[in-house]
N, C-alpha and C. Protein backbone atom coordinates (compact mmCIF):
# COMPACT_ATOMS: atom_id res chain seq x y z
N MET A 1 0.77 -1.19 -0.10
CA MET A 1 -0.02 0.00 0.06
C MET A 1 0.84 1.22 -0.03
N PRO A 2 2.00 1.38 0.73
CA PRO A 2 2.71 2.52 0.76
C PRO A 2 3.36 2.95 -0.52
N ASP A 3 3.72 1.87 -1.49
CA ASP A 3 4.17 2.22 -2.72
C ASP A 3 3.21 2.88 -3.67
N ARG A 4 1.89 2.71 -3.44
CA ARG A 4 0.89 3.25 -4.27
C ARG A 4 0.85 4.90 -3.87
N ARG A 5 0.92 5.18 -2.61
CA ARG A 5 0.97 6.58 -2.15
C ARG A 5 2.20 7.40 -2.74
N LYS A 6 3.30 6.75 -2.73
CA LYS A 6 4.63 7.28 -3.21
C LYS A 6 4.35 7.53 -4.72
N ALA A 7 3.75 6.49 -5.41
CA ALA A 7 3.57 6.56 -6.91
C ALA A 7 2.57 7.88 -7.22
N TYR A 8 1.42 7.82 -6.38
CA TYR A 8 0.54 8.88 -6.64
C TYR A 8 0.98 10.43 -6.25
N THR A 9 1.84 10.46 -5.27
CA THR A 9 2.55 11.65 -4.91
C THR A 9 3.43 12.13 -5.98
N LEU A 10 4.22 11.14 -6.51
CA LEU A 10 5.13 11.49 -7.72
C LEU A 10 4.41 11.94 -8.83
N TYR A 11 3.39 11.10 -9.16
CA TYR A 11 2.35 11.57 -10.37
C TYR A 11 1.92 12.79 -10.31
N ARG A 12 1.33 13.29 -9.08
CA ARG A 12 0.86 14.48 -8.89
C ARG A 12 1.77 15.76 -9.05
N ALA A 13 3.03 15.43 -8.42
CA ALA A 13 4.15 16.40 -8.58
C ALA A 13 4.46 16.65 -10.07
N VAL A 14 4.51 15.54 -10.77
CA VAL A 14 4.83 15.65 -12.35
C VAL A 14 3.85 16.46 -13.02
N ALA A 15 2.53 16.08 -12.55
CA ALA A 15 1.44 16.81 -13.30
C ALA A 15 1.45 18.35 -13.00
N VAL A 16 1.67 18.67 -11.79
CA VAL A 16 1.72 20.09 -11.47
C VAL A 16 2.94 20.79 -12.12
N ALA A 17 4.08 20.20 -12.15
CA ALA A 17 5.36 20.78 -12.77
C ALA A 17 5.06 20.88 -14.37
N ALA A 18 4.37 20.01 -14.93
CA ALA A 18 3.94 20.09 -16.36
C ALA A 18 2.98 21.19 -16.63
N LEU A 19 1.97 21.30 -15.61
CA LEU A 19 1.09 22.33 -15.90
C LEU A 19 1.79 23.77 -15.83
N ALA A 20 2.65 23.89 -14.75
CA ALA A 20 3.34 25.14 -14.60
C ALA A 20 4.18 25.56 -15.70
N ALA A 21 4.93 24.48 -16.26
CA ALA A 21 5.72 24.70 -17.47
C ALA A 21 4.83 25.10 -18.67
N GLY A 22 3.72 24.51 -18.91
CA GLY A 22 2.87 24.78 -19.94
C GLY A 22 2.29 26.28 -19.92
N LEU A 23 1.94 26.70 -18.66
CA LEU A 23 1.40 28.07 -18.45
C LEU A 23 2.61 29.02 -18.80
N ALA A 24 3.79 28.69 -18.33
CA ALA A 24 5.06 29.62 -18.52
C ALA A 24 5.27 29.80 -19.93
N ALA A 25 4.94 28.71 -20.85
CA ALA A 25 5.26 28.72 -22.18
C ALA A 25 4.23 29.44 -23.07
N CYS A 26 3.15 29.87 -22.47
CA CYS A 26 2.05 30.53 -23.14
C CYS A 26 2.34 31.95 -23.59
N GLY A 27 3.36 32.57 -22.90
CA GLY A 27 3.74 33.97 -23.36
C GLY A 27 3.30 34.89 -22.51
N ASP A 28 2.62 36.09 -23.01
CA ASP A 28 2.18 37.18 -22.39
C ASP A 28 1.05 36.93 -21.44
N LEU A 29 1.25 36.69 -20.09
CA LEU A 29 0.29 36.45 -19.19
C LEU A 29 -0.13 37.82 -18.53
N PRO A 30 -1.32 38.02 -18.11
CA PRO A 30 -1.62 39.36 -17.54
C PRO A 30 -0.85 39.61 -16.21
N GLU A 31 -0.50 40.92 -15.93
CA GLU A 31 0.08 41.29 -14.65
C GLU A 31 -1.02 41.19 -13.58
N THR A 32 -0.87 40.20 -12.57
CA THR A 32 -1.88 40.02 -11.62
C THR A 32 -1.52 40.82 -10.31
N GLY A 33 -0.35 41.49 -10.37
CA GLY A 33 0.05 42.34 -9.19
C GLY A 33 0.70 41.51 -8.10
N THR A 34 1.14 42.09 -7.25
CA THR A 34 1.77 41.70 -6.02
C THR A 34 0.94 41.86 -4.80
N GLU A 35 0.77 40.80 -4.02
CA GLU A 35 -0.06 41.04 -2.76
C GLU A 35 0.62 42.03 -1.77
N VAL A 36 -0.14 43.04 -1.30
CA VAL A 36 0.43 44.12 -0.43
C VAL A 36 -0.51 44.06 0.87
N THR A 37 0.13 44.51 1.99
CA THR A 37 -0.65 44.73 3.16
C THR A 37 -0.11 45.88 3.85
N PRO A 38 -0.83 46.65 4.58
CA PRO A 38 -2.36 46.49 4.74
C PRO A 38 -3.08 46.80 3.55
N PRO A 39 -4.42 46.67 3.57
CA PRO A 39 -5.18 46.99 2.27
C PRO A 39 -5.15 48.40 1.93
N VAL A 40 -5.12 48.79 0.66
CA VAL A 40 -5.13 50.11 0.17
C VAL A 40 -6.54 50.72 0.39
N PRO A 41 -6.59 52.01 0.63
CA PRO A 41 -8.01 52.68 0.71
C PRO A 41 -8.70 52.44 -0.68
N LEU A 42 -9.88 52.15 -0.63
CA LEU A 42 -10.72 51.73 -1.88
C LEU A 42 -11.55 53.04 -2.39
N SER A 43 -12.04 52.85 -3.63
CA SER A 43 -12.77 53.92 -4.22
C SER A 43 -13.97 54.26 -3.48
N PRO A 44 -14.58 55.46 -3.56
CA PRO A 44 -15.67 55.79 -2.71
C PRO A 44 -16.92 54.85 -2.98
N ALA A 45 -17.00 54.39 -4.11
CA ALA A 45 -18.22 53.44 -4.46
C ALA A 45 -17.91 52.21 -4.03
N ALA A 46 -16.73 51.75 -3.45
CA ALA A 46 -16.61 50.42 -3.03
C ALA A 46 -17.29 50.05 -1.69
N GLY A 47 -17.61 48.96 -1.54
CA GLY A 47 -18.35 48.34 -0.35
C GLY A 47 -17.30 48.05 0.72
N GLU A 48 -17.41 46.75 1.32
CA GLU A 48 -16.44 46.47 2.32
C GLU A 48 -15.03 46.26 1.89
N ILE A 49 -14.03 46.40 2.74
CA ILE A 49 -12.70 46.15 2.45
C ILE A 49 -12.39 44.71 2.14
N PRO A 50 -11.83 44.31 0.94
CA PRO A 50 -11.55 42.93 0.82
C PRO A 50 -10.29 42.50 1.52
N GLU A 51 -10.22 41.05 1.75
CA GLU A 51 -8.99 40.75 2.57
C GLU A 51 -7.81 40.77 1.75
N ASP A 52 -7.82 40.39 0.45
CA ASP A 52 -6.71 40.45 -0.31
C ASP A 52 -6.56 41.66 -1.20
N THR A 53 -5.27 42.21 -1.32
CA THR A 53 -5.08 43.52 -1.98
C THR A 53 -3.87 43.20 -2.87
N PHE A 54 -3.84 43.65 -4.08
CA PHE A 54 -2.84 43.38 -5.01
C PHE A 54 -2.43 44.74 -5.62
N MET A 55 -1.07 44.75 -5.99
CA MET A 55 -0.52 46.11 -6.46
C MET A 55 0.34 45.73 -7.76
N ALA A 56 0.10 46.59 -8.93
CA ALA A 56 0.97 46.46 -10.02
C ALA A 56 1.31 47.89 -10.47
N THR A 57 2.39 48.03 -11.23
CA THR A 57 2.93 49.18 -11.73
C THR A 57 2.88 49.18 -13.14
N ALA A 58 2.81 50.31 -13.86
CA ALA A 58 2.88 50.55 -15.35
C ALA A 58 3.42 51.85 -15.65
N THR A 59 4.04 51.93 -16.85
CA THR A 59 4.65 53.15 -17.35
C THR A 59 3.81 53.50 -18.47
N ILE A 60 3.79 54.77 -18.90
CA ILE A 60 3.04 55.31 -20.05
C ILE A 60 4.10 55.40 -21.20
N THR A 61 3.70 54.69 -22.37
CA THR A 61 4.53 54.64 -23.50
C THR A 61 3.75 55.27 -24.65
N GLU A 62 4.40 55.34 -25.87
CA GLU A 62 3.67 55.81 -27.06
C GLU A 62 2.51 54.98 -27.41
N ASP A 63 2.62 53.71 -27.07
CA ASP A 63 1.55 52.79 -27.50
C ASP A 63 0.47 52.56 -26.44
N GLY A 64 0.61 53.09 -25.21
CA GLY A 64 -0.32 53.10 -24.10
C GLY A 64 0.40 52.74 -22.75
N LEU A 65 0.04 51.59 -22.22
CA LEU A 65 0.79 51.15 -20.90
C LEU A 65 1.61 50.02 -21.07
N ASP A 66 2.70 50.02 -20.32
CA ASP A 66 3.56 48.99 -20.39
C ASP A 66 3.88 48.49 -18.87
N PRO A 67 3.32 47.35 -18.47
CA PRO A 67 2.71 46.26 -19.33
C PRO A 67 1.19 46.75 -19.52
N ASP A 68 0.59 46.07 -20.53
CA ASP A 68 -0.80 46.56 -20.84
C ASP A 68 -1.72 45.55 -20.59
N LEU A 69 -1.49 44.45 -19.95
CA LEU A 69 -2.31 43.35 -19.46
C LEU A 69 -2.23 43.21 -18.01
N PHE A 70 -3.52 43.30 -17.40
CA PHE A 70 -3.53 43.15 -15.87
C PHE A 70 -4.85 42.19 -15.62
N ALA A 71 -4.75 41.62 -14.46
CA ALA A 71 -5.83 40.65 -14.16
C ALA A 71 -5.93 40.62 -12.56
N GLY A 72 -7.20 40.31 -12.12
CA GLY A 72 -7.32 40.12 -10.74
C GLY A 72 -8.66 39.44 -10.47
N ARG A 73 -8.87 38.89 -9.17
CA ARG A 73 -10.01 38.16 -8.89
C ARG A 73 -11.02 39.17 -8.38
N ILE A 74 -12.34 38.85 -8.81
CA ILE A 74 -13.49 39.75 -8.41
C ILE A 74 -13.55 39.66 -6.97
N GLY A 75 -13.85 40.83 -6.22
CA GLY A 75 -13.89 41.06 -4.89
C GLY A 75 -12.58 41.28 -4.21
N THR A 76 -11.56 41.43 -4.91
CA THR A 76 -10.26 41.79 -4.32
C THR A 76 -9.95 43.31 -4.59
N ALA A 77 -9.11 43.74 -3.78
CA ALA A 77 -8.65 45.17 -4.09
C ALA A 77 -7.47 45.22 -4.95
N PHE A 78 -7.36 46.23 -5.71
CA PHE A 78 -6.18 46.29 -6.51
C PHE A 78 -5.82 47.77 -6.54
N GLU A 79 -4.42 48.10 -6.52
CA GLU A 79 -3.79 49.24 -6.72
C GLU A 79 -2.90 49.31 -7.89
N LEU A 80 -3.25 50.11 -8.81
CA LEU A 80 -2.55 50.24 -10.03
C LEU A 80 -1.65 51.64 -9.95
N VAL A 81 -0.34 51.59 -9.98
CA VAL A 81 0.42 52.68 -9.97
C VAL A 81 0.98 53.11 -11.15
N ILE A 82 0.81 54.29 -11.86
CA ILE A 82 1.19 54.67 -13.03
C ILE A 82 2.25 55.65 -12.92
N GLU A 83 3.31 55.52 -13.51
CA GLU A 83 4.46 56.34 -13.57
C GLU A 83 4.24 57.55 -14.68
N GLY A 84 4.19 58.72 -14.31
CA GLY A 84 4.04 59.84 -15.34
C GLY A 84 5.17 59.98 -16.16
N ASP A 85 4.78 60.54 -17.41
CA ASP A 85 5.78 60.67 -18.61
C ASP A 85 5.92 62.24 -18.91
N GLY A 86 5.66 63.00 -18.08
CA GLY A 86 5.83 64.49 -18.28
C GLY A 86 4.70 65.16 -18.81
N THR A 87 3.49 64.48 -19.13
CA THR A 87 2.36 65.15 -19.64
C THR A 87 1.21 64.49 -18.83
N GLU A 88 0.24 65.34 -18.36
CA GLU A 88 -0.97 64.95 -17.67
C GLU A 88 -1.86 64.09 -18.64
N HIS A 89 -2.44 63.06 -18.12
CA HIS A 89 -3.32 62.15 -18.75
C HIS A 89 -4.51 61.77 -18.01
N ILE A 90 -5.54 61.30 -18.71
CA ILE A 90 -6.68 60.83 -18.05
C ILE A 90 -6.81 59.24 -18.41
N LEU A 91 -7.03 58.57 -17.17
CA LEU A 91 -7.18 57.09 -17.32
C LEU A 91 -8.47 56.71 -16.91
N LEU A 92 -8.87 55.68 -17.68
CA LEU A 92 -10.39 55.04 -17.34
C LEU A 92 -10.26 53.59 -17.43
N ILE A 93 -10.76 52.79 -16.58
CA ILE A 93 -10.90 51.34 -16.72
C ILE A 93 -12.38 51.07 -16.72
N GLU A 94 -12.92 50.49 -17.85
CA GLU A 94 -14.37 50.29 -18.01
C GLU A 94 -14.86 49.48 -16.77
N GLU A 95 -16.06 49.86 -16.35
CA GLU A 95 -16.83 49.29 -15.39
C GLU A 95 -16.20 49.23 -13.97
N MET A 96 -15.00 49.79 -13.77
CA MET A 96 -14.29 49.74 -12.48
C MET A 96 -13.72 51.07 -11.92
N VAL A 97 -13.16 51.82 -12.82
CA VAL A 97 -12.48 53.18 -12.46
C VAL A 97 -13.00 54.25 -13.46
N GLY A 98 -13.55 55.35 -12.92
CA GLY A 98 -14.00 56.42 -13.68
C GLY A 98 -12.72 57.20 -14.09
N GLU A 99 -12.88 58.33 -14.86
CA GLU A 99 -11.86 59.21 -15.30
C GLU A 99 -10.98 59.67 -14.07
N THR A 100 -9.69 59.33 -14.25
CA THR A 100 -8.74 59.66 -13.14
C THR A 100 -7.60 60.34 -13.84
N THR A 101 -7.35 61.43 -13.25
CA THR A 101 -6.09 62.25 -13.70
C THR A 101 -4.71 61.52 -13.35
N ILE A 102 -3.94 61.26 -14.28
CA ILE A 102 -2.50 60.93 -13.95
C ILE A 102 -1.52 62.11 -13.98
N ALA A 103 -0.89 62.29 -12.94
CA ALA A 103 0.00 63.27 -12.84
C ALA A 103 1.12 63.31 -13.91
N PRO A 104 1.60 64.46 -14.33
CA PRO A 104 2.74 64.40 -15.24
C PRO A 104 3.94 63.94 -14.68
N GLU A 105 4.32 64.16 -13.44
CA GLU A 105 5.64 63.69 -12.89
C GLU A 105 5.29 62.74 -11.74
N GLY A 106 6.19 61.90 -11.47
CA GLY A 106 6.07 60.94 -10.32
C GLY A 106 5.02 59.93 -10.53
N SER A 107 4.51 59.30 -9.52
CA SER A 107 3.64 58.09 -9.55
C SER A 107 2.27 58.61 -9.18
N THR A 108 1.24 58.00 -9.88
CA THR A 108 -0.12 58.17 -9.44
C THR A 108 -0.75 56.97 -9.06
N SER A 109 -1.30 56.60 -7.93
CA SER A 109 -1.80 55.46 -7.41
C SER A 109 -3.32 55.34 -7.57
N ILE A 110 -3.89 54.43 -8.24
CA ILE A 110 -5.32 54.22 -8.41
C ILE A 110 -5.66 53.03 -7.71
N ALA A 111 -6.57 53.06 -6.65
CA ALA A 111 -7.00 52.07 -5.84
C ALA A 111 -8.43 51.66 -6.04
N PHE A 112 -8.86 50.55 -6.33
CA PHE A 112 -10.11 50.07 -6.51
C PHE A 112 -10.39 48.64 -6.18
N THR A 113 -11.74 48.29 -6.09
CA THR A 113 -11.96 46.99 -5.90
C THR A 113 -12.56 46.34 -7.28
N ILE A 114 -12.11 45.18 -7.48
CA ILE A 114 -12.50 44.54 -8.82
C ILE A 114 -13.94 44.05 -8.62
N GLU A 115 -14.75 44.63 -9.49
CA GLU A 115 -16.16 44.24 -9.35
C GLU A 115 -16.81 43.94 -10.77
N GLY A 116 -17.87 43.21 -10.76
CA GLY A 116 -18.56 42.85 -12.06
C GLY A 116 -18.45 41.49 -12.36
N GLU A 117 -18.94 41.06 -13.47
CA GLU A 117 -18.78 39.77 -13.94
C GLU A 117 -17.53 39.34 -14.58
N PRO A 118 -17.13 38.19 -14.62
CA PRO A 118 -15.74 37.70 -15.18
C PRO A 118 -15.83 38.23 -16.54
N GLY A 119 -14.67 38.74 -17.03
CA GLY A 119 -14.54 39.30 -18.37
C GLY A 119 -13.45 40.32 -18.49
N ILE A 120 -13.31 41.02 -19.56
CA ILE A 120 -12.26 41.96 -19.83
C ILE A 120 -12.91 43.35 -19.81
N SER A 121 -12.05 44.26 -19.12
CA SER A 121 -12.42 45.68 -19.17
C SER A 121 -11.22 46.41 -19.90
N ASP A 122 -11.60 47.16 -20.86
CA ASP A 122 -10.54 48.05 -21.63
C ASP A 122 -10.10 49.11 -20.64
N ILE A 123 -8.93 49.38 -20.90
CA ILE A 123 -8.19 50.55 -20.17
C ILE A 123 -7.85 51.56 -21.22
N PHE A 124 -8.39 52.82 -20.88
CA PHE A 124 -8.25 53.90 -21.82
C PHE A 124 -7.27 54.96 -21.28
N LEU A 125 -6.47 55.55 -22.04
CA LEU A 125 -5.62 56.56 -21.64
C LEU A 125 -5.97 57.65 -22.71
N ASP A 126 -6.47 58.83 -22.18
CA ASP A 126 -6.70 60.04 -23.05
C ASP A 126 -7.80 59.63 -24.18
N GLY A 127 -8.66 58.67 -23.73
CA GLY A 127 -9.60 58.33 -24.72
C GLY A 127 -9.17 57.17 -25.72
N GLU A 128 -8.04 56.79 -25.81
CA GLU A 128 -7.44 55.69 -26.62
C GLU A 128 -7.21 54.52 -25.85
N MET A 129 -7.40 53.35 -26.37
CA MET A 129 -7.13 52.11 -25.63
C MET A 129 -5.76 51.97 -25.46
N ALA A 130 -5.47 51.65 -24.20
CA ALA A 130 -4.07 51.49 -23.77
C ALA A 130 -3.70 50.15 -23.13
N GLY A 131 -4.74 49.30 -22.83
CA GLY A 131 -4.47 47.98 -22.20
C GLY A 131 -5.75 47.40 -21.85
N THR A 132 -5.70 46.26 -21.20
CA THR A 132 -6.82 45.44 -20.71
C THR A 132 -6.74 45.03 -19.27
N PHE A 133 -7.86 44.92 -18.58
CA PHE A 133 -7.91 44.44 -17.19
C PHE A 133 -8.86 43.08 -17.28
N GLU A 134 -8.30 41.90 -16.89
CA GLU A 134 -9.21 40.76 -16.89
C GLU A 134 -9.75 40.51 -15.51
N ARG A 135 -11.08 40.64 -15.43
CA ARG A 135 -11.76 40.08 -14.16
C ARG A 135 -11.89 38.67 -14.06
N LEU A 136 -11.42 38.01 -12.99
CA LEU A 136 -11.33 36.77 -12.92
C LEU A 136 -12.34 36.18 -11.74
N ILE A 137 -12.83 35.02 -11.87
CA ILE A 137 -13.78 34.45 -10.85
C ILE A 137 -12.73 34.13 -9.67
N ALA A 138 -13.44 33.81 -8.53
CA ALA A 138 -12.67 33.64 -7.29
C ALA A 138 -11.71 32.54 -7.38
N GLY A 139 -11.82 31.49 -8.21
CA GLY A 139 -10.78 30.44 -8.41
C GLY A 139 -9.55 31.00 -9.19
N GLY A 140 -9.80 32.17 -9.82
CA GLY A 140 -8.51 32.74 -10.43
C GLY A 140 -8.59 32.70 -12.02
N ILE A 141 -9.72 32.09 -12.67
CA ILE A 141 -9.78 31.98 -14.09
C ILE A 141 -11.19 32.41 -14.37
N ASP A 142 -11.24 32.87 -15.66
CA ASP A 142 -12.59 33.43 -16.02
C ASP A 142 -13.45 32.23 -16.57
N ASP A 143 -14.73 32.49 -16.69
CA ASP A 143 -15.56 31.40 -17.17
C ASP A 143 -15.88 31.30 -18.55
N THR A 144 -15.11 32.00 -19.45
CA THR A 144 -15.29 32.08 -20.88
C THR A 144 -14.57 30.86 -21.66
């Protein structure tokens, strides 16, 4: 009986390693941020403070944001820090963040709670599409 447990454990470890390697080979994965504590202040429209808070940074480029793909679980707090490029900009994330001024110099922090149904929200900078934010179900994947 003990040999079966060892074989099962080894099989499971190999399966997890293969899955991780496959995901890494997929290429451009969304920036899901780094967990930070304590939780960041939330937008005025937000309800209760989520337990998990994540933070990601981006810079403004000629093509939009770098990186331009972000993701997070619905119900978690997210803080997006945008580095200014010398010009004032207006950022909007569909269904989550209203028009927000990005300072020309230094960093602008945008804190919000990820809300809505699983799916993609476009990120606009000065009315032009600059990136995307994927809203994930609690398990970490969308249901599409």
